[in-house]
């Protein structure tokens, strides 16, 4: 099950925002209220984890893309 991040939506100026994580099924609706305080919440969209399968470290798989093509060769992820 995915882990989703939420944060409370401030209702008054300078109110502290509380961030928390909830393990939910992808079929479940997003939360609308903080389970602890009942305050309104929104789901936080953050960076994810991407794993490219390629010829890094001498290993390759069927249908893999060479690492030099996966990032254009402009980074420092390979020689």
PDB file of N, CA and C in Angstrom:
ATOM      1  N   UNK A   1       0.837  -1.185   0.000  1.00  0.00           N
ATOM      2  CA  UNK A   1       0.000   0.000   0.000  1.00  0.00           C
ATOM      3  C   UNK A   1       0.882   1.248   0.000  1.00  0.00           C
ATOM      4  N   UNK A   2       0.506   2.241  -0.813  1.00  0.00           N
ATOM      5  CA  UNK A   2       1.290   3.481  -0.852  1.00  0.00           C
ATOM      6  C   UNK A   2       1.172   4.292   0.426  1.00  0.00           C
ATOM      7  N   UNK A   3       2.189   5.083   0.672  1.00  0.00           N
ATOM      8  CA  UNK A   3       2.229   5.990   1.814  1.00  0.00           C
ATOM      9  C   UNK A   3       2.004   7.400   1.283  1.00  0.00           C
ATOM     10  N   UNK A   4       0.955   8.063   1.739  1.00  0.00           N
ATOM     11  CA  UNK A   4       0.617   9.408   1.272  1.00  0.00           C
ATOM     12  C   UNK A   4       0.923  10.431   2.351  1.00  0.00           C
ATOM     13  N   UNK A   5       1.404  11.595   1.916  1.00  0.00           N
ATOM     14  CA  UNK A   5       1.667  12.701   2.836  1.00  0.00           C
ATOM     15  C   UNK A   5       0.506  13.687   2.763  1.00  0.00           C
ATOM     16  N   UNK A   6       0.134  14.189   3.925  1.00  0.00           N
ATOM     17  CA  UNK A   6      -0.919  15.194   4.030  1.00  0.00           C
ATOM     18  C   UNK A   6      -0.407  16.335   4.889  1.00  0.00           C
ATOM     19  N   UNK A   7      -1.043  17.501   4.737  1.00  0.00           N
ATOM     20  CA  UNK A   7      -0.764  18.620   5.629  1.00  0.00           C
ATOM     21  C   UNK A   7      -2.065  19.338   5.931  1.00  0.00           C
ATOM     22  N   UNK A   8      -2.133  19.879   7.145  1.00  0.00           N
ATOM     23  CA  UNK A   8      -3.323  20.631   7.523  1.00  0.00           C
ATOM     24  C   UNK A   8      -3.337  21.948   6.765  1.00  0.00           C
ATOM     25  N   UNK A   9      -4.540  22.438   6.498  1.00  0.00           N
ATOM     26  CA  UNK A   9      -4.719  23.717   5.817  1.00  0.00           C
ATOM     27  C   UNK A   9      -4.984  24.765   6.888  1.00  0.00           C
ATOM     28  N   UNK A  10      -4.105  25.754   7.018  1.00  0.00           N
ATOM     29  CA  UNK A  10      -4.295  26.780   8.052  1.00  0.00           C
ATOM     30  C   UNK A  10      -5.629  27.514   7.852  1.00  0.00           C
ATOM     31  N   UNK A  11      -6.327  27.741   8.948  1.00  0.00           N
ATOM     32  CA  UNK A  11      -7.602  28.455   8.891  1.00  0.00           C
ATOM     33  C   UNK A  11      -7.479  29.872   9.424  1.00  0.00           C
ATOM     34  N   UNK A  12      -6.374  30.156  10.100  1.00  0.00           N
ATOM     35  CA  UNK A  12      -6.093  31.507  10.604  1.00  0.00           C
ATOM     36  C   UNK A  12      -4.632  31.835  10.297  1.00  0.00           C
ATOM     37  N   UNK A  13      -4.302  33.130  10.170  1.00  0.00           N
ATOM     38  CA  UNK A  13      -2.903  33.504   9.895  1.00  0.00           C
ATOM     39  C   UNK A  13      -1.939  32.974  10.968  1.00  0.00           C
ATOM     40  N   UNK A  14      -0.772  32.590  10.529  1.00  0.00           N
ATOM     41  CA  UNK A  14       0.306  32.096  11.405  1.00  0.00           C
ATOM     42  C   UNK A  14      -0.014  30.785  12.118  1.00  0.00           C
ATOM     43  N   UNK A  15      -1.032  30.077  11.677  1.00  0.00           N
ATOM     44  CA  UNK A  15      -1.347  28.769  12.273  1.00  0.00           C
ATOM     45  C   UNK A  15      -0.316  27.753  11.795  1.00  0.00           C
ATOM     46  N   UNK A  16       0.183  26.942  12.681  1.00  0.00           N
ATOM     47  CA  UNK A  16       1.180  25.931  12.330  1.00  0.00           C
ATOM     48  C   UNK A  16       0.553  24.860  11.442  1.00  0.00           C
ATOM     49  N   UNK A  17       1.319  24.415  10.467  1.00  0.00           N
ATOM     50  CA  UNK A  17       0.885  23.344   9.571  1.00  0.00           C
ATOM     51  C   UNK A  17       1.446  22.036  10.097  1.00  0.00           C
ATOM     52  N   UNK A  18       0.593  21.033  10.179  1.00  0.00           N
ATOM     53  CA  UNK A  18       1.040  19.715  10.636  1.00  0.00           C
ATOM     54  C   UNK A  18       1.087  18.782   9.440  1.00  0.00           C
ATOM     55  N   UNK A  19       2.251  18.160   9.208  1.00  0.00           N
ATOM     56  CA  UNK A  19       2.390  17.159   8.142  1.00  0.00           C
ATOM     57  C   UNK A  19       2.386  15.767   8.767  1.00  0.00           C
ATOM     58  N   UNK A  20       1.732  14.852   8.065  1.00  0.00           N
ATOM     59  CA  UNK A  20       1.697  13.473   8.540  1.00  0.00           C
ATOM     60  C   UNK A  20       1.550  12.538   7.347  1.00  0.00           C
ATOM     61  N   UNK A  21       1.831  11.270   7.569  1.00  0.00           N
ATOM     62  CA  UNK A  21       1.751  10.257   6.523  1.00  0.00           C
ATOM     63  C   UNK A  21       0.690   9.229   6.884  1.00  0.00           C
ATOM     64  N   UNK A  22       0.021   8.727   5.844  1.00  0.00           N
ATOM     65  CA  UNK A  22      -1.023   7.726   6.030  1.00  0.00           C
ATOM     66  C   UNK A  22      -0.848   6.652   4.964  1.00  0.00           C
ATOM     67  N   UNK A  23      -0.859   5.398   5.380  1.00  0.00           N
ATOM     68  CA  UNK A  23      -0.810   4.283   4.448  1.00  0.00           C
ATOM     69  C   UNK A  23      -2.242   4.022   3.976  1.00  0.00           C
ATOM     70  N   UNK A  24      -2.471   4.173   2.652  1.00  0.00           N
ATOM     71  CA  UNK A  24      -3.807   4.006   2.097  1.00  0.00           C
ATOM     72  C   UNK A  24      -3.742   3.200   0.811  1.00  0.00           C
ATOM     73  N   UNK A  25      -4.822   2.529   0.515  1.00  0.00           N
ATOM     74  CA  UNK A  25      -4.961   1.854  -0.762  1.00  0.00           C
ATOM     75  C   UNK A  25      -5.125   2.914  -1.848  1.00  0.00           C
ATOM     76  N   UNK A  26      -4.697   2.606  -3.058  1.00  0.00           N
ATOM     77  CA  UNK A  26      -4.863   3.541  -4.159  1.00  0.00           C
ATOM     78  C   UNK A  26      -6.339   3.742  -4.499  1.00  0.00           C
ATOM     79  N   UNK A  27      -7.184   2.814  -4.071  1.00  0.00           N
ATOM     80  CA  UNK A  27      -8.621   2.903  -4.341  1.00  0.00           C
ATOM     81  C   UNK A  27      -9.360   3.775  -3.329  1.00  0.00           C
ATOM     82  N   UNK A  28      -8.709   4.094  -2.216  1.00  0.00           N
ATOM     83  CA  UNK A  28      -9.343   4.929  -1.184  1.00  0.00           C
ATOM     84  C   UNK A  28      -9.345   6.389  -1.599  1.00  0.00           C
ATOM     85  N   UNK A  29     -10.371   7.103  -1.198  1.00  0.00           N
ATOM     86  CA  UNK A  29     -10.418   8.544  -1.427  1.00  0.00           C
ATOM     87  C   UNK A  29      -9.383   9.239  -0.548  1.00  0.00           C
ATOM     88  N   UNK A  30      -8.901  10.382  -1.034  1.00  0.00           N
ATOM     89  CA  UNK A  30      -7.958  11.186  -0.246  1.00  0.00           C
ATOM     90  C   UNK A  30      -8.662  11.677   1.016  1.00  0.00           C
ATOM     91  N   UNK A  31      -7.881  11.812   2.098  1.00  0.00           N
ATOM     92  CA  UNK A  31      -8.450  12.343   3.334  1.00  0.00           C
ATOM     93  C   UNK A  31      -8.862  13.801   3.137  1.00  0.00           C
ATOM     94  N   UNK A  32      -9.879  14.220   3.844  1.00  0.00           N
ATOM     95  CA  UNK A  32     -10.293  15.626   3.833  1.00  0.00           C
ATOM     96  C   UNK A  32     -10.100  16.254   5.202  1.00  0.00           C
ATOM     97  N   UNK A  33      -9.936  15.425   6.246  1.00  0.00           N
ATOM     98  CA  UNK A  33      -9.762  15.899   7.626  1.00  0.00           C
ATOM     99  C   UNK A  33      -8.616  15.159   8.294  1.00  0.00           C
ATOM    100  N   UNK A  34      -7.904  15.860   9.165  1.00  0.00           N
ATOM    101  CA  UNK A  34      -6.832  15.279   9.973  1.00  0.00           C
ATOM    102  C   UNK A  34      -7.473  14.304  10.959  1.00  0.00           C
ATOM    103  N   UNK A  35      -7.033  13.048  10.972  1.00  0.00           N
ATOM    104  CA  UNK A  35      -7.619  12.068  11.894  1.00  0.00           C
ATOM    105  C   UNK A  35      -7.468  12.445  13.369  1.00  0.00           C
ATOM    106  N   UNK A  36      -6.433  13.225  13.709  1.00  0.00           N
ATOM    107  CA  UNK A  36      -6.201  13.601  15.104  1.00  0.00           C
ATOM    108  C   UNK A  36      -6.964  14.853  15.524  1.00  0.00           C
ATOM    109  N   UNK A  37      -6.939  15.880  14.664  1.00  0.00           N
ATOM    110  CA  UNK A  37      -7.530  17.167  15.075  1.00  0.00           C
ATOM    111  C   UNK A  37      -8.851  17.497  14.395  1.00  0.00           C
ATOM    112  N   UNK A  38      -9.139  16.842  13.283  1.00  0.00           N
ATOM    113  CA  UNK A  38     -10.351  17.142  12.545  1.00  0.00           C
ATOM    114  C   UNK A  38     -10.224  18.346  11.626  1.00  0.00           C
ATOM    115  N   UNK A  39      -9.031  18.964  11.581  1.00  0.00           N
ATOM    116  CA  UNK A  39      -8.815  20.126  10.718  1.00  0.00           C
ATOM    117  C   UNK A  39      -8.776  19.683   9.256  1.00  0.00           C
ATOM    118  N   UNK A  40      -9.132  20.589   8.332  1.00  0.00           N
ATOM    119  CA  UNK A  40      -9.069  20.241   6.909  1.00  0.00           C
ATOM    120  C   UNK A  40      -7.627  19.982   6.472  1.00  0.00           C
ATOM    121  N   UNK A  41      -7.459  19.042   5.539  1.00  0.00           N
ATOM    122  CA  UNK A  41      -6.133  18.676   5.039  1.00  0.00           C
ATOM    123  C   UNK A  41      -6.117  18.623   3.518  1.00  0.00           C
ATOM    124  N   UNK A  42      -4.901  18.657   2.976  1.00  0.00           N
ATOM    125  CA  UNK A  42      -4.702  18.430   1.548  1.00  0.00           C
ATOM    126  C   UNK A  42      -3.569  17.430   1.389  1.00  0.00           C
ATOM    127  N   UNK A  43      -3.623  16.679   0.302  1.00  0.00           N
ATOM    128  CA  UNK A  43      -2.565  15.714   0.008  1.00  0.00           C
ATOM    129  C   UNK A  43      -1.373  16.474  -0.566  1.00  0.00           C
ATOM    130  N   UNK A  44      -0.183  16.124  -0.111  1.00  0.00           N
ATOM    131  CA  UNK A  44       1.041  16.778  -0.554  1.00  0.00           C
ATOM    132  C   UNK A  44       1.627  15.968  -1.703  1.00  0.00           C
ATOM    133  N   UNK A  45       1.901  16.641  -2.802  1.00  0.00           N
ATOM    134  CA  UNK A  45       2.546  15.993  -3.942  1.00  0.00           C
ATOM    135  C   UNK A  45       4.039  16.268  -3.816  1.00  0.00           C
ATOM    136  N   UNK A  46       4.814  15.199  -3.775  1.00  0.00           N
ATOM    137  CA  UNK A  46       6.256  15.360  -3.628  1.00  0.00           C
ATOM    138  C   UNK A  46       6.963  14.492  -4.651  1.00  0.00           C
ATOM    139  N   UNK A  47       8.280  14.637  -4.722  1.00  0.00           N
ATOM    140  CA  UNK A  47       9.064  13.848  -5.662  1.00  0.00           C
ATOM    141  C   UNK A  47       8.950  12.371  -5.368  1.00  0.00           C
ATOM    142  N   UNK A  48       9.080  11.585  -6.381  1.00  0.00           N
ATOM    143  CA  UNK A  48       8.971  10.145  -6.226  1.00  0.00           C
ATOM    144  C   UNK A  48      10.308   9.473  -6.408  1.00  0.00           C
ATOM    145  N   UNK A  49      10.285   8.186  -6.495  1.00  0.00           N
ATOM    146  CA  UNK A  49      11.478   7.385  -6.657  1.00  0.00           C
ATOM    147  C   UNK A  49      11.406   6.735  -8.027  1.00  0.00           C
ATOM    148  N   UNK A  50      12.390   6.986  -8.859  1.00  0.00           N
ATOM    149  CA  UNK A  50      12.408   6.435 -10.209  1.00  0.00           C
ATOM    150  C   UNK A  50      13.647   5.588 -10.368  1.00  0.00           C
ATOM    151  N   UNK A  51      13.452   4.388 -10.857  1.00  0.00           N
ATOM    152  CA  UNK A  51      14.584   3.499 -11.064  1.00  0.00           C
ATOM    153  C   UNK A  51      14.613   3.104 -12.530  1.00  0.00           C
ATOM    154  N   UNK A  52      15.681   3.466 -13.208  1.00  0.00           N
ATOM    155  CA  UNK A  52      15.834   3.118 -14.611  1.00  0.00           C
ATOM    156  C   UNK A  52      16.660   1.855 -14.724  1.00  0.00           C
ATOM    157  N   UNK A  53      16.212   0.943 -15.550  1.00  0.00           N
ATOM    158  CA  UNK A  53      16.953  -0.281 -15.781  1.00  0.00           C
ATOM    159  C   UNK A  53      17.803  -0.066 -17.025  1.00  0.00           C
ATOM    160  N   UNK A  54      19.105  -0.194 -16.895  1.00  0.00           N
ATOM    161  CA  UNK A  54      19.980   0.032 -18.033  1.00  0.00           C
ATOM    162  C   UNK A  54      21.295  -0.669 -17.876  1.00  0.00           C
ATOM    163  N   UNK A  55      22.235  -0.285 -18.678  1.00  0.00           N
ATOM    164  CA  UNK A  55      23.542  -0.925 -18.681  1.00  0.00           C
ATOM    165  C   UNK A  55      24.499  -0.263 -17.706  1.00  0.00           C
ATOM    166  N   UNK A  56      24.054   0.021 -16.509  1.00  0.00           N
ATOM    167  CA  UNK A  56      24.897   0.622 -15.485  1.00  0.00           C
ATOM    168  C   UNK A  56      25.606  -0.495 -14.738  1.00  0.00           C
ATOM    169  N   UNK A  57      26.894  -0.381 -14.542  1.00  0.00           N
ATOM    170  CA  UNK A  57      27.653  -1.395 -13.819  1.00  0.00           C
ATOM    171  C   UNK A  57      27.826  -2.683 -14.588  1.00  0.00           C
ATOM    172  N   UNK A  58      27.650  -2.639 -15.919  1.00  0.00           N
ATOM    173  CA  UNK A  58      27.874  -3.824 -16.731  1.00  0.00           C
ATOM    174  C   UNK A  58      26.685  -4.745 -16.809  1.00  0.00           C
ATOM    175  N   UNK A  59      25.594  -4.430 -16.139  1.00  0.00           N
ATOM    176  CA  UNK A  59      24.417  -5.290 -16.199  1.00  0.00           C
ATOM    177  C   UNK A  59      23.415  -4.705 -17.173  1.00  0.00           C
ATOM    178  N   UNK A  60      22.747  -5.561 -17.889  1.00  0.00           N
ATOM    179  CA  UNK A  60      21.681  -5.091 -18.770  1.00  0.00           C
ATOM    180  C   UNK A  60      20.558  -6.109 -18.744  1.00  0.00           C
ATOM    181  N   UNK A  61      19.393  -5.665 -19.061  1.00  0.00           N
ATOM    182  CA  UNK A  61      18.240  -6.543 -19.081  1.00  0.00           C
ATOM    183  C   UNK A  61      17.549  -6.444 -20.422  1.00  0.00           C
ATOM    184  N   UNK A  62      16.638  -7.359 -20.685  1.00  0.00           N
ATOM    185  CA  UNK A  62      15.898  -7.346 -21.937  1.00  0.00           C
ATOM    186  C   UNK A  62      15.126  -6.044 -22.055  1.00  0.00           C
ATOM    187  N   UNK A  63      15.273  -5.402 -23.191  1.00  0.00           N
ATOM    188  CA  UNK A  63      14.551  -4.157 -23.414  1.00  0.00           C
ATOM    189  C   UNK A  63      15.110  -2.983 -22.647  1.00  0.00           C
ATOM    190  N   UNK A  64      16.328  -3.119 -22.116  1.00  0.00           N
ATOM    191  CA  UNK A  64      16.886  -2.038 -21.314  1.00  0.00           C
ATOM    192  C   UNK A  64      17.440  -0.936 -22.204  1.00  0.00           C
ATOM    193  N   UNK A  65      17.571   0.237 -21.670  1.00  0.00           N
ATOM    194  CA  UNK A  65      18.111   1.392 -22.371  1.00  0.00           C
ATOM    195  C   UNK A  65      19.480   1.671 -21.783  1.00  0.00           C
ATOM    196  N   UNK A  66      20.495   1.830 -22.630  1.00  0.00           N
ATOM    197  CA  UNK A  66      21.824   2.147 -22.085  1.00  0.00           C
ATOM    198  C   UNK A  66      21.768   3.412 -21.246  1.00  0.00           C
ATOM    199  N   UNK A  67      22.529   3.445 -20.161  1.00  0.00           N
ATOM    200  CA  UNK A  67      22.509   4.582 -19.245  1.00  0.00           C
ATOM    201  C   UNK A  67      22.844   5.876 -19.967  1.00  0.00           C
ATOM    202  N   UNK A  68      23.696   5.807 -20.993  1.00  0.00           N
ATOM    203  CA  UNK A  68      24.062   7.024 -21.717  1.00  0.00           C
ATOM    204  C   UNK A  68      22.869   7.632 -22.436  1.00  0.00           C
ATOM    205  N   UNK A  69      21.842   6.835 -22.705  1.00  0.00           N
ATOM    206  CA  UNK A  69      20.645   7.357 -23.366  1.00  0.00           C
ATOM    207  C   UNK A  69      19.556   7.735 -22.375  1.00  0.00           C
ATOM    208  N   UNK A  70      19.589   7.172 -21.178  1.00  0.00           N
ATOM    209  CA  UNK A  70      18.523   7.421 -20.214  1.00  0.00           C
ATOM    210  C   UNK A  70      18.553   8.833 -19.658  1.00  0.00           C
ATOM    211  N   UNK A  71      19.729   9.465 -19.584  1.00  0.00           N
ATOM    212  CA  UNK A  71      19.817  10.826 -19.058  1.00  0.00           C
ATOM    213  C   UNK A  71      20.472  11.774 -20.044  1.00  0.00           C
ATOM    214  N   UNK A  72      20.732  11.284 -21.246  1.00  0.00           N
ATOM    215  CA  UNK A  72      21.348  12.139 -22.262  1.00  0.00           C
ATOM    216  C   UNK A  72      22.850  12.278 -22.099  1.00  0.00           C
ATOM    217  N   UNK A  73      23.432  11.619 -21.108  1.00  0.00           N
ATOM    218  CA  UNK A  73      24.869  11.682 -20.903  1.00  0.00           C
ATOM    219  C   UNK A  73      25.364  12.996 -20.338  1.00  0.00           C
ATOM    220  N   UNK A  74      24.439  13.868 -19.897  1.00  0.00           N
ATOM    221  CA  UNK A  74      24.854  15.187 -19.415  1.00  0.00           C
ATOM    222  C   UNK A  74      24.997  15.255 -17.905  1.00  0.00           C
ATOM    223  N   UNK A  75      24.816  14.153 -17.218  1.00  0.00           N
ATOM    224  CA  UNK A  75      24.956  14.162 -15.764  1.00  0.00           C
ATOM    225  C   UNK A  75      26.207  13.390 -15.371  1.00  0.00           C
ATOM    226  N   UNK A  76      26.398  13.202 -14.083  1.00  0.00           N
ATOM    227  CA  UNK A  76      27.582  12.495 -13.604  1.00  0.00           C
ATOM    228  C   UNK A  76      27.241  11.097 -13.094  1.00  0.00           C
ATOM    229  N   UNK A  77      26.132  10.529 -13.579  1.00  0.00           N
ATOM    230  CA  UNK A  77      25.710   9.225 -13.062  1.00  0.00           C
ATOM    231  C   UNK A  77      26.461   8.067 -13.698  1.00  0.00           C
ATOM    232  N   UNK A  78      27.241   8.332 -14.739  1.00  0.00           N
ATOM    233  CA  UNK A  78      28.025   7.289 -15.385  1.00  0.00           C
ATOM    234  C   UNK A  78      29.240   7.919 -16.051  1.00  0.00           C
ATOM    235  N   UNK A  79      30.289   7.117 -16.304  1.00  0.00           N
ATOM    236  CA  UNK A  79      31.511   7.658 -16.910  1.00  0.00           C
ATOM    237  C   UNK A  79      31.299   8.076 -18.348  1.00  0.00           C
TER     238      UNK A  79
END
